[in-house]
Amino acid sequence: MANAGSSRQAAWEFYGTELKNRREAAKMTQQELGRKVFVSGGYIGQFEQAIRKPQLDVAARIDEVLQTDGFFERMCRQLINKSPYAEYFAAAAELESLATAICDFAPAIVPGLLQTAPYARAVILASNPFAADDQIEEKVVARMERARLLKDPATPEYWVILHEHVLRPPTGGPAVMAEQLDHVAALAHRRRALVQVLPAAAGAHPLMGRMLTLMEFEDAPPTAYTEAVYSGNLLDDPALVKRVRAAYDLLRASALAPEASLTLIESAAEDHRRCASTS
C-alpha cells in the first residue's frame, strides 16, 4: 500500500509538471489559466506542485483551454481509478494525507480514521454484501492505511464529533462494537484525538444526517468534504467553507465536553461488552 501511495504521488507530480509545461508553452500565467477554467491562479499553482488534485471537470476545462486533446482528463481518470478508494472519495483521501488539521462530524458510523479492522469490515460488508472476501479485505486494508495518519504523534490535529447514535448500534456485533469504542477512548486518552459526543437529546442541529470533514493545510486554503449515499462533494470555495465551518462550530457548542463525552463512550463500550458476554 505504501508503494502504491508513493507511485500515485509521483504520477500526480508528473501531472503537475506537464500542466506547468503546457501552460508555459501556451504563454499563460497561472492566474490567466485559472480565470479560464474557473479556479484561482493559486489553485493552478497547487495543481502544478501536486499539493491539490484537480477534479475531473476542472481537468476537462484545462484540456479545452490548453488544447491538449483530453490528456489531463484521461490522466486524472486513470489516477482516480487506481486509487483504493471510491471515485467520489479519492480526491478527499489524497487531501486528508496532506492536512495539518482535520475536523470530522459523524452522524451514523465511526469515521474511517478511527475505525478498527473488525468494525471497518462489518461496515464495508454491509455496503457490499455480494463482494468476494479478497475485495472486502482490500477495502479494509485501505481504510487501515488511512487510519495510520493518527499514529503520528503530532499531525494532523484531529477533532471529531460523534452523534450519540454512532455509539448505540452493535455494528459487527457487541464485541466488535465494544472494541471499537475502546479504541476511540484510547485515542482520546492519549490526546491523539479530541472527541466530543453530540447527545441525542440535543435535538435538531445544522448538519442533520450529514457527514462532514473539514481540512486545513500549511500552504493551501481549507477544504470541506460532505458525503451522501455513494456520492461525495469536495468544497473549496472560501465563502462556502466558511459557512460550513460555522455550522461545525454550532455543533461544538451543542456537544458534550470532552470529559463527559469520554465517560459516555466508555459507558457505551461497557454496555456492548455486557451484551457480548451474555450472548
C-alpha atoms as a PDB file:
ATOM      1  CA  MET A   1       0.000   0.000   0.000  1.00  0.00           C
ATOM      2  CA  ALA A   2       2.817   2.424   0.838  1.00  0.00           C
ATOM      3  CA  ASN A   3       4.485   1.745  -2.510  1.00  0.00           C
ATOM      4  CA  ALA A   4       1.182   2.249  -4.296  1.00  0.00           C
ATOM      5  CA  GLY A   5       0.706   5.563  -2.492  1.00  0.00           C
ATOM      6  CA  SER A   6       4.201   6.737  -3.423  1.00  0.00           C
ATOM      7  CA  SER A   7       3.635   5.711  -7.031  1.00  0.00           C
ATOM      8  CA  ARG A   8       0.361   7.666  -7.212  1.00  0.00           C
ATOM      9  CA  GLN A   9       2.014  10.742  -5.707  1.00  0.00           C
ATOM     10  CA  ALA A  10       4.812  10.541  -8.269  1.00  0.00           C
ATOM     11  CA  ALA A  11       2.196  10.321 -11.024  1.00  0.00           C
ATOM     12  CA  TRP A  12       0.413  13.417  -9.670  1.00  0.00           C
ATOM     13  CA  GLU A  13       3.765  15.232  -9.603  1.00  0.00           C
ATOM     14  CA  PHE A  14       4.263  14.303 -13.267  1.00  0.00           C
ATOM     15  CA  TYR A  15       0.743  15.601 -13.934  1.00  0.00           C
ATOM     16  CA  GLY A  16       1.677  18.916 -12.309  1.00  0.00           C
ATOM     17  CA  THR A  17       4.926  19.199 -14.229  1.00  0.00           C
ATOM     18  CA  GLU A  18       3.133  18.554 -17.523  1.00  0.00           C
ATOM     19  CA  LEU A  19       0.487  21.129 -16.640  1.00  0.00           C
ATOM     20  CA  LYS A  20       3.165  23.737 -15.978  1.00  0.00           C
ATOM     21  CA  ASN A  21       4.986  22.878 -19.227  1.00  0.00           C
ATOM     22  CA  ARG A  22       1.803  23.054 -21.347  1.00  0.00           C
ATOM     23  CA  ARG A  23       0.681  26.271 -19.650  1.00  0.00           C
ATOM     24  CA  GLU A  24       4.014  27.975 -20.235  1.00  0.00           C
ATOM     25  CA  ALA A  25       4.071  26.743 -23.840  1.00  0.00           C
ATOM     26  CA  ALA A  26       0.703  28.479 -24.272  1.00  0.00           C
ATOM     27  CA  LYS A  27       2.293  31.642 -22.767  1.00  0.00           C
ATOM     28  CA  MET A  28      -0.286  31.820 -19.986  1.00  0.00           C
ATOM     29  CA  THR A  29       0.227  32.732 -16.327  1.00  0.00           C
ATOM     30  CA  GLN A  30      -1.313  30.669 -13.553  1.00  0.00           C
ATOM     31  CA  GLN A  31      -3.827  33.477 -12.997  1.00  0.00           C
ATOM     32  CA  GLU A  32      -4.813  33.578 -16.678  1.00  0.00           C
ATOM     33  CA  LEU A  33      -5.355  29.820 -16.856  1.00  0.00           C
ATOM     34  CA  GLY A  34      -7.227  29.872 -13.550  1.00  0.00           C
ATOM     35  CA  ARG A  35      -9.671  32.506 -14.807  1.00  0.00           C
ATOM     36  CA  LYS A  36     -10.405  30.456 -17.933  1.00  0.00           C
ATOM     37  CA  VAL A  37     -11.100  27.234 -16.001  1.00  0.00           C
ATOM     38  CA  PHE A  38     -12.955  28.945 -13.114  1.00  0.00           C
ATOM     39  CA  VAL A  39     -10.437  28.406 -10.311  1.00  0.00           C
ATOM     40  CA  SER A  40      -7.897  30.760  -8.759  1.00  0.00           C
ATOM     41  CA  GLY A  41      -4.362  31.138 -10.034  1.00  0.00           C
ATOM     42  CA  GLY A  42      -3.233  29.845  -6.650  1.00  0.00           C
ATOM     43  CA  TYR A  43      -5.089  26.594  -7.312  1.00  0.00           C
ATOM     44  CA  ILE A  44      -3.308  26.178 -10.637  1.00  0.00           C
ATOM     45  CA  GLY A  45      -0.040  26.558  -8.742  1.00  0.00           C
ATOM     46  CA  GLN A  46      -1.148  23.908  -6.242  1.00  0.00           C
ATOM     47  CA  PHE A  47      -2.066  21.551  -9.101  1.00  0.00           C
ATOM     48  CA  GLU A  48       1.379  22.082 -10.606  1.00  0.00           C
ATOM     49  CA  GLN A  49       3.059  21.338  -7.263  1.00  0.00           C
ATOM     50  CA  ALA A  50       0.827  18.271  -6.683  1.00  0.00           C
ATOM     51  CA  ILE A  51      -0.462  19.813  -3.444  1.00  0.00           C
ATOM     52  CA  ARG A  52      -4.048  19.551  -4.701  1.00  0.00           C
ATOM     53  CA  LYS A  53      -5.523  17.202  -7.271  1.00  0.00           C
ATOM     54  CA  PRO A  54      -7.923  18.716  -9.822  1.00  0.00           C
ATOM     55  CA  GLN A  55     -11.409  17.320 -10.109  1.00  0.00           C
ATOM     56  CA  LEU A  56     -12.441  15.814 -13.432  1.00  0.00           C
ATOM     57  CA  ASP A  57     -14.469  18.806 -14.592  1.00  0.00           C
ATOM     58  CA  VAL A  58     -11.508  21.129 -13.976  1.00  0.00           C
ATOM     59  CA  ALA A  59      -9.161  18.740 -15.807  1.00  0.00           C
ATOM     60  CA  ALA A  60     -11.542  18.706 -18.780  1.00  0.00           C
ATOM     61  CA  ARG A  61     -11.637  22.520 -18.871  1.00  0.00           C
ATOM     62  CA  ILE A  62      -7.824  22.645 -18.736  1.00  0.00           C
ATOM     63  CA  ASP A  63      -7.694  20.364 -21.788  1.00  0.00           C
ATOM     64  CA  GLU A  64     -10.137  22.629 -23.596  1.00  0.00           C
ATOM     65  CA  VAL A  65      -8.220  25.826 -22.823  1.00  0.00           C
ATOM     66  CA  LEU A  66      -4.746  24.414 -23.476  1.00  0.00           C
ATOM     67  CA  GLN A  67      -5.976  22.323 -26.444  1.00  0.00           C
ATOM     68  CA  THR A  68      -4.348  19.168 -25.100  1.00  0.00           C
ATOM     69  CA  ASP A  69      -6.800  16.702 -26.656  1.00  0.00           C
ATOM     70  CA  GLY A  70      -8.121  15.236 -23.391  1.00  0.00           C
ATOM     71  CA  PHE A  71      -4.662  14.472 -21.944  1.00  0.00           C
ATOM     72  CA  PHE A  72      -5.258  15.889 -18.468  1.00  0.00           C
ATOM     73  CA  GLU A  73      -8.766  14.468 -18.100  1.00  0.00           C
ATOM     74  CA  ARG A  74      -7.607  10.992 -19.171  1.00  0.00           C
ATOM     75  CA  MET A  75      -4.674  11.030 -16.781  1.00  0.00           C
ATOM     76  CA  CYS A  76      -6.872  12.302 -13.966  1.00  0.00           C
ATOM     77  CA  ARG A  77      -9.369   9.481 -14.578  1.00  0.00           C
ATOM     78  CA  GLN A  78      -6.598   6.894 -14.624  1.00  0.00           C
ATOM     79  CA  LEU A  79      -5.147   8.101 -11.319  1.00  0.00           C
ATOM     80  CA  ILE A  80      -8.581   8.169  -9.663  1.00  0.00           C
ATOM     81  CA  ASN A  81      -9.347   4.660 -10.927  1.00  0.00           C
ATOM     82  CA  LYS A  82      -6.058   3.381  -9.460  1.00  0.00           C
ATOM     83  CA  SER A  83      -6.979   4.723  -6.043  1.00  0.00           C
ATOM     84  CA  PRO A  84      -8.119   2.109  -3.474  1.00  0.00           C
ATOM     85  CA  TYR A  85     -10.986   4.444  -2.580  1.00  0.00           C
ATOM     86  CA  ALA A  86     -14.343   5.077  -4.210  1.00  0.00           C
ATOM     87  CA  GLU A  87     -14.111   7.605  -7.043  1.00  0.00           C
ATOM     88  CA  TYR A  88     -16.139  10.219  -5.174  1.00  0.00           C
ATOM     89  CA  PHE A  89     -13.827   9.964  -2.127  1.00  0.00           C
ATOM     90  CA  ALA A  90     -10.427   9.589  -3.819  1.00  0.00           C
ATOM     91  CA  ALA A  91      -9.602  13.314  -4.008  1.00  0.00           C
ATOM     92  CA  ALA A  92     -10.643  13.862  -0.384  1.00  0.00           C
ATOM     93  CA  ALA A  93      -8.464  10.925   0.735  1.00  0.00           C
ATOM     94  CA  GLU A  94      -5.454  12.440  -1.038  1.00  0.00           C
ATOM     95  CA  LEU A  95      -6.057  15.781   0.719  1.00  0.00           C
ATOM     96  CA  GLU A  96      -6.568  14.064   4.070  1.00  0.00           C
ATOM     97  CA  SER A  97      -2.996  12.776   3.953  1.00  0.00           C
ATOM     98  CA  LEU A  98      -1.706  16.357   3.486  1.00  0.00           C
ATOM     99  CA  ALA A  99      -3.822  18.057   6.129  1.00  0.00           C
ATOM    100  CA  THR A 100      -2.365  19.678   9.247  1.00  0.00           C
ATOM    101  CA  ALA A 101      -5.779  19.649  10.980  1.00  0.00           C
ATOM    102  CA  ILE A 102      -8.918  17.554  10.397  1.00  0.00           C
ATOM    103  CA  CYS A 103     -12.357  18.027  11.958  1.00  0.00           C
ATOM    104  CA  ASP A 104     -14.959  15.276  11.447  1.00  0.00           C
ATOM    105  CA  PHE A 105     -18.657  15.059  12.210  1.00  0.00           C
ATOM    106  CA  ALA A 106     -20.121  11.545  12.143  1.00  0.00           C
ATOM    107  CA  PRO A 107     -23.911  11.197  12.320  1.00  0.00           C
ATOM    108  CA  ALA A 108     -24.203   7.414  11.917  1.00  0.00           C
ATOM    109  CA  ILE A 109     -20.921   5.451  11.925  1.00  0.00           C
ATOM    110  CA  VAL A 110     -17.451   5.846  13.393  1.00  0.00           C
ATOM    111  CA  PRO A 111     -15.294   7.839  10.904  1.00  0.00           C
ATOM    112  CA  GLY A 112     -12.745   5.912   8.847  1.00  0.00           C
ATOM    113  CA  LEU A 113      -9.725   7.425  10.630  1.00  0.00           C
ATOM    114  CA  LEU A 114     -10.969   5.950  13.927  1.00  0.00           C
ATOM    115  CA  GLN A 115     -12.139   2.542  12.725  1.00  0.00           C
ATOM    116  CA  THR A 116     -10.705  -0.776  13.855  1.00  0.00           C
ATOM    117  CA  ALA A 117     -10.309  -3.510  11.243  1.00  0.00           C
ATOM    118  CA  PRO A 118     -13.255  -5.653  12.504  1.00  0.00           C
ATOM    119  CA  TYR A 119     -15.563  -2.631  12.617  1.00  0.00           C
ATOM    120  CA  ALA A 120     -14.425  -1.479   9.158  1.00  0.00           C
ATOM    121  CA  ARG A 121     -15.004  -4.990   7.808  1.00  0.00           C
ATOM    122  CA  ALA A 122     -18.569  -5.001   9.141  1.00  0.00           C
ATOM    123  CA  VAL A 123     -19.343  -1.570   7.655  1.00  0.00           C
ATOM    124  CA  ILE A 124     -17.814  -2.432   4.266  1.00  0.00           C
ATOM    125  CA  LEU A 125     -19.561  -5.804   4.101  1.00  0.00           C
ATOM    126  CA  ALA A 126     -22.908  -4.163   4.860  1.00  0.00           C
ATOM    127  CA  SER A 127     -22.458  -1.953   1.772  1.00  0.00           C
ATOM    128  CA  ASN A 128     -21.006  -4.745  -0.389  1.00  0.00           C
ATOM    129  CA  PRO A 129     -22.915  -7.927   0.582  1.00  0.00           C
ATOM    130  CA  PHE A 130     -22.047  -9.780  -2.646  1.00  0.00           C
ATOM    131  CA  ALA A 131     -18.350  -8.836  -2.822  1.00  0.00           C
ATOM    132  CA  ALA A 132     -15.677 -11.538  -2.680  1.00  0.00           C
ATOM    133  CA  ASP A 133     -13.619 -11.847   0.500  1.00  0.00           C
ATOM    134  CA  ASP A 134     -10.461 -10.505  -1.170  1.00  0.00           C
ATOM    135  CA  GLN A 135     -12.336  -7.406  -2.347  1.00  0.00           C
ATOM    136  CA  ILE A 136     -13.603  -6.762   1.172  1.00  0.00           C
ATOM    137  CA  GLU A 137     -10.115  -7.223   2.620  1.00  0.00           C
ATOM    138  CA  GLU A 138      -8.622  -4.825   0.055  1.00  0.00           C
ATOM    139  CA  LYS A 139     -11.020  -2.130   1.231  1.00  0.00           C
ATOM    140  CA  VAL A 140     -10.292  -2.901   4.883  1.00  0.00           C
ATOM    141  CA  VAL A 141      -6.543  -2.607   4.264  1.00  0.00           C
ATOM    142  CA  ALA A 142      -7.039   0.742   2.508  1.00  0.00           C
ATOM    143  CA  ARG A 143      -9.064   2.028   5.446  1.00  0.00           C
ATOM    144  CA  MET A 144      -6.462   0.879   7.960  1.00  0.00           C
ATOM    145  CA  GLU A 145      -3.792   2.607   5.876  1.00  0.00           C
ATOM    146  CA  ARG A 146      -5.774   5.842   6.179  1.00  0.00           C
ATOM    147  CA  ALA A 147      -6.002   5.379   9.951  1.00  0.00           C
ATOM    148  CA  ARG A 148      -2.195   5.341  10.161  1.00  0.00           C
ATOM    149  CA  LEU A 149      -2.396   9.146   9.976  1.00  0.00           C
ATOM    150  CA  LEU A 150      -3.260   9.170  13.676  1.00  0.00           C
ATOM    151  CA  LYS A 151      -0.167   7.139  14.599  1.00  0.00           C
ATOM    152  CA  ASP A 152       1.952  10.239  14.027  1.00  0.00           C
ATOM    153  CA  PRO A 153       2.327  11.877  17.463  1.00  0.00           C
ATOM    154  CA  ALA A 154       1.759  15.415  16.200  1.00  0.00           C
ATOM    155  CA  THR A 155      -0.025  15.795  12.859  1.00  0.00           C
ATOM    156  CA  PRO A 156      -2.702  16.108  11.835  1.00  0.00           C
ATOM    157  CA  GLU A 157      -4.554  17.600  14.797  1.00  0.00           C
ATOM    158  CA  TYR A 158      -7.783  15.616  14.859  1.00  0.00           C
ATOM    159  CA  TRP A 159     -11.104  16.776  16.329  1.00  0.00           C
ATOM    160  CA  VAL A 160     -14.189  14.597  15.929  1.00  0.00           C
ATOM    161  CA  ILE A 161     -17.827  14.998  16.969  1.00  0.00           C
ATOM    162  CA  LEU A 162     -19.776  11.737  17.115  1.00  0.00           C
ATOM    163  CA  HIS A 163     -23.551  11.791  17.292  1.00  0.00           C
ATOM    164  CA  GLU A 164     -24.770   9.622  20.152  1.00  0.00           C
ATOM    165  CA  HIS A 165     -26.478   7.442  17.523  1.00  0.00           C
ATOM    166  CA  VAL A 166     -22.976   6.255  16.485  1.00  0.00           C
ATOM    167  CA  LEU A 167     -22.419   4.652  19.896  1.00  0.00           C
ATOM    168  CA  ARG A 168     -25.556   2.526  20.230  1.00  0.00           C
ATOM    169  CA  PRO A 169     -25.943   0.065  17.287  1.00  0.00           C
ATOM    170  CA  PRO A 170     -23.789  -3.073  17.773  1.00  0.00           C
ATOM    171  CA  THR A 171     -22.073  -2.770  14.383  1.00  0.00           C
ATOM    172  CA  GLY A 172     -20.283  -6.052  13.703  1.00  0.00           C
ATOM    173  CA  GLY A 173     -21.761  -7.475  16.922  1.00  0.00           C
ATOM    174  CA  PRO A 174     -21.446  -6.239  20.523  1.00  0.00           C
ATOM    175  CA  ALA A 175     -17.862  -7.482  20.974  1.00  0.00           C
ATOM    176  CA  VAL A 176     -16.663  -5.680  17.836  1.00  0.00           C
ATOM    177  CA  MET A 177     -18.518  -2.529  18.884  1.00  0.00           C
ATOM    178  CA  ALA A 178     -17.044  -2.620  22.388  1.00  0.00           C
ATOM    179  CA  GLU A 179     -13.546  -2.960  20.914  1.00  0.00           C
ATOM    180  CA  GLN A 180     -14.243  -0.082  18.525  1.00  0.00           C
ATOM    181  CA  LEU A 181     -15.381   2.275  21.288  1.00  0.00           C
ATOM    182  CA  ASP A 182     -12.402   1.225  23.450  1.00  0.00           C
ATOM    183  CA  HIS A 183     -10.165   2.256  20.535  1.00  0.00           C
ATOM    184  CA  VAL A 184     -11.814   5.678  20.274  1.00  0.00           C
ATOM    185  CA  ALA A 185     -11.459   6.157  24.039  1.00  0.00           C
ATOM    186  CA  ALA A 186      -7.784   5.123  23.928  1.00  0.00           C
ATOM    187  CA  LEU A 187      -7.018   7.720  21.248  1.00  0.00           C
ATOM    188  CA  ALA A 188      -8.757  10.349  23.372  1.00  0.00           C
ATOM    189  CA  HIS A 189      -6.809   9.314  26.493  1.00  0.00           C
ATOM    190  CA  ARG A 190      -3.546   9.578  24.521  1.00  0.00           C
ATOM    191  CA  ARG A 191      -4.636  13.066  23.373  1.00  0.00           C
ATOM    192  CA  ARG A 192      -4.263  11.920  19.789  1.00  0.00           C
ATOM    193  CA  ALA A 193      -7.885  12.795  19.081  1.00  0.00           C
ATOM    194  CA  LEU A 194     -10.185  15.313  20.710  1.00  0.00           C
ATOM    195  CA  VAL A 195     -13.549  13.553  20.838  1.00  0.00           C
ATOM    196  CA  GLN A 196     -16.957  15.022  21.630  1.00  0.00           C
ATOM    197  CA  VAL A 197     -20.381  13.409  21.566  1.00  0.00           C
ATOM    198  CA  LEU A 198     -23.471  15.230  20.360  1.00  0.00           C
ATOM    199  CA  PRO A 199     -26.220  13.825  22.617  1.00  0.00           C
ATOM    200  CA  ALA A 200     -29.474  12.661  21.072  1.00  0.00           C
ATOM    201  CA  ALA A 201     -31.255  14.991  23.486  1.00  0.00           C
ATOM    202  CA  ALA A 202     -29.665  17.968  21.684  1.00  0.00           C
ATOM    203  CA  GLY A 203     -32.353  17.542  19.015  1.00  0.00           C
ATOM    204  CA  ALA A 204     -32.076  19.390  15.698  1.00  0.00           C
ATOM    205  CA  HIS A 205     -28.673  20.626  14.565  1.00  0.00           C
ATOM    206  CA  PRO A 206     -27.174  22.315  11.454  1.00  0.00           C
ATOM    207  CA  LEU A 207     -25.917  19.088   9.830  1.00  0.00           C
ATOM    208  CA  MET A 208     -28.907  16.783  10.235  1.00  0.00           C
ATOM    209  CA  GLY A 209     -27.801  13.378   8.919  1.00  0.00           C
ATOM    210  CA  ARG A 210     -24.842  14.828   7.006  1.00  0.00           C
ATOM    211  CA  MET A 211     -21.305  13.551   7.414  1.00  0.00           C
ATOM    212  CA  LEU A 212     -18.697  16.354   7.259  1.00  0.00           C
ATOM    213  CA  THR A 213     -14.906  16.642   7.166  1.00  0.00           C
ATOM    214  CA  LEU A 214     -13.049  19.951   7.401  1.00  0.00           C
ATOM    215  CA  MET A 215      -9.356  20.018   6.472  1.00  0.00           C
ATOM    216  CA  GLU A 216      -6.692  22.683   6.955  1.00  0.00           C
ATOM    217  CA  PHE A 217      -3.291  22.797   5.235  1.00  0.00           C
ATOM    218  CA  GLU A 218       0.017  24.525   5.776  1.00  0.00           C
ATOM    219  CA  ASP A 219       0.248  26.096   2.325  1.00  0.00           C
ATOM    220  CA  ALA A 220      -3.278  25.862   0.921  1.00  0.00           C
ATOM    221  CA  PRO A 221      -6.775  27.127   1.756  1.00  0.00           C
ATOM    222  CA  PRO A 222      -9.084  24.973   3.917  1.00  0.00           C
ATOM    223  CA  THR A 223     -11.419  22.457   2.307  1.00  0.00           C
ATOM    224  CA  ALA A 224     -14.671  20.759   3.320  1.00  0.00           C
ATOM    225  CA  TYR A 225     -15.938  17.343   2.245  1.00  0.00           C
ATOM    226  CA  THR A 226     -19.502  16.128   2.646  1.00  0.00           C
ATOM    227  CA  GLU A 227     -20.835  12.692   1.776  1.00  0.00           C
ATOM    228  CA  ALA A 228     -24.205  11.172   0.967  1.00  0.00           C
ATOM    229  CA  VAL A 229     -25.200   7.752  -0.398  1.00  0.00           C
ATOM    230  CA  TYR A 230     -22.467   6.712  -2.895  1.00  0.00           C
ATOM    231  CA  SER A 231     -21.609  10.344  -3.594  1.00  0.00           C
ATOM    232  CA  GLY A 232     -19.320  12.992  -2.193  1.00  0.00           C
ATOM    233  CA  ASN A 233     -18.819  16.708  -2.565  1.00  0.00           C
ATOM    234  CA  LEU A 234     -15.449  18.418  -2.137  1.00  0.00           C
ATOM    235  CA  LEU A 235     -15.932  22.103  -1.318  1.00  0.00           C
ATOM    236  CA  ASP A 236     -13.136  24.626  -1.686  1.00  0.00           C
ATOM    237  CA  ASP A 237     -14.957  27.908  -2.302  1.00  0.00           C
ATOM    238  CA  PRO A 238     -13.783  30.088   0.636  1.00  0.00           C
ATOM    239  CA  ALA A 239     -17.227  31.569   1.338  1.00  0.00           C
ATOM    240  CA  LEU A 240     -18.870  28.137   1.361  1.00  0.00           C
ATOM    241  CA  VAL A 241     -16.154  26.582   3.525  1.00  0.00           C
ATOM    242  CA  LYS A 242     -16.622  29.465   5.976  1.00  0.00           C
ATOM    243  CA  ARG A 243     -20.359  28.691   6.231  1.00  0.00           C
ATOM    244  CA  VAL A 244     -19.648  25.003   6.788  1.00  0.00           C
ATOM    245  CA  ARG A 245     -17.093  25.877   9.473  1.00  0.00           C
ATOM    246  CA  ALA A 246     -19.744  27.991  11.231  1.00  0.00           C
ATOM    247  CA  ALA A 247     -22.131  25.002  11.190  1.00  0.00           C
ATOM    248  CA  TYR A 248     -19.406  22.837  12.738  1.00  0.00           C
ATOM    249  CA  ASP A 249     -18.835  25.439  15.462  1.00  0.00           C
ATOM    250  CA  LEU A 250     -22.550  25.277  16.309  1.00  0.00           C
ATOM    251  CA  LEU A 251     -22.216  21.507  16.698  1.00  0.00           C
ATOM    252  CA  ARG A 252     -19.303  22.003  19.085  1.00  0.00           C
ATOM    253  CA  ALA A 253     -21.434  24.329  21.176  1.00  0.00           C
ATOM    254  CA  SER A 254     -24.181  21.673  21.448  1.00  0.00           C
ATOM    255  CA  ALA A 255     -21.860  18.713  22.074  1.00  0.00           C
ATOM    256  CA  LEU A 256     -20.824  17.379  25.467  1.00  0.00           C
ATOM    257  CA  ALA A 257     -17.471  18.471  26.852  1.00  0.00           C
ATOM    258  CA  PRO A 258     -14.589  16.092  26.030  1.00  0.00           C
ATOM    259  CA  GLU A 259     -14.510  14.628  29.560  1.00  0.00           C
ATOM    260  CA  ALA A 260     -18.253  13.943  29.629  1.00  0.00           C
ATOM    261  CA  SER A 261     -18.045  12.591  26.069  1.00  0.00           C
ATOM    262  CA  LEU A 262     -15.322  10.142  27.053  1.00  0.00           C
ATOM    263  CA  THR A 263     -17.404   8.952  30.010  1.00  0.00           C
ATOM    264  CA  LEU A 264     -20.373   8.317  27.698  1.00  0.00           C
ATOM    265  CA  ILE A 265     -18.215   6.459  25.156  1.00  0.00           C
ATOM    266  CA  GLU A 266     -16.706   4.223  27.842  1.00  0.00           C
ATOM    267  CA  SER A 267     -20.167   3.560  29.313  1.00  0.00           C
ATOM    268  CA  ALA A 268     -21.478   2.558  25.875  1.00  0.00           C
ATOM    269  CA  ALA A 269     -18.474   0.247  25.422  1.00  0.00           C
ATOM    270  CA  GLU A 270     -19.298  -1.460  28.731  1.00  0.00           C
ATOM    271  CA  ASP A 271     -22.943  -1.883  27.656  1.00  0.00           C
ATOM    272  CA  HIS A 272     -21.819  -3.640  24.461  1.00  0.00           C
ATOM    273  CA  ARG A 273     -19.327  -5.756  26.420  1.00  0.00           C
ATOM    274  CA  ARG A 274     -22.052  -6.949  28.766  1.00  0.00           C
ATOM    275  CA  CYS A 275     -24.223  -7.863  25.771  1.00  0.00           C
ATOM    276  CA  ALA A 276     -21.312  -9.800  24.250  1.00  0.00           C
ATOM    277  CA  SER A 277     -20.722 -11.766  27.466  1.00  0.00           C
ATOM    278  CA  THR A 278     -24.381 -12.826  27.747  1.00  0.00           C
ATOM    279  CA  SER A 279     -24.900 -13.748  24.104  1.00  0.00           C
END
